[in-house]
């Protein structure tokens, strides 16, 4: 019985064999539960070698994994079985090839125009599925048509800050640093003064470009 006192002979067996034998085997020989064996080992200060514990754990994991691993040639229970949700599910089910939401937006034909979250008019120019390259601002396309690719570190802005006024006369290509100063000027000065500061910046850029070409 597990409640009976431990004898000196049993303690001797525990000391001699606990480190190398499974607790289950000792429990069977001593007529005790595994829990009782573990508790007595703890009381006696007995421990199993770390290497043995790791090996036993690895073996148990491998054994458990093998029990759930598919065998070669295994066939699942639902292979070849069709399933129908029934009810009215067919009414809300996507048709083959159907797109909705953002996918439907990207599916729009090339040439489609819309207003993006920044308030700029954008046009679909490609159909790769990448929104950044498929949709481009119309004012940038217009500027590039007249001047070529926008230089690195530059952006195309509206001179009058009106995104709906997409004309080449209303567009300017400036550096990002200039755009930060431009936005600061608009916040601090009246519109007329801000426009003069912007024109001075454009004039300086042209002068610098002419001097560099000489």
Foldseek 3Di string as FASTA:
>chain_A
DQPDDDDPVLVVCCVVPVQPDDLCVSCVVVVHDSVSSVVVCVVVVHDHDPVVVVVVVVVVVVVVVVVPDDDPPDDDPCVPPDDDPDDCVVVVDDDVPDDDDPRVVLVDDFQDWDADPVRFIWTQHDRPPDCVPRIGGPLLVVLCVVPNHQDPQKDKAFLQNDNVPRDNVRIDIDGPVVVVVLVVCVVPDPPVVSSVVVVVVVVVVVVVVVVVVD
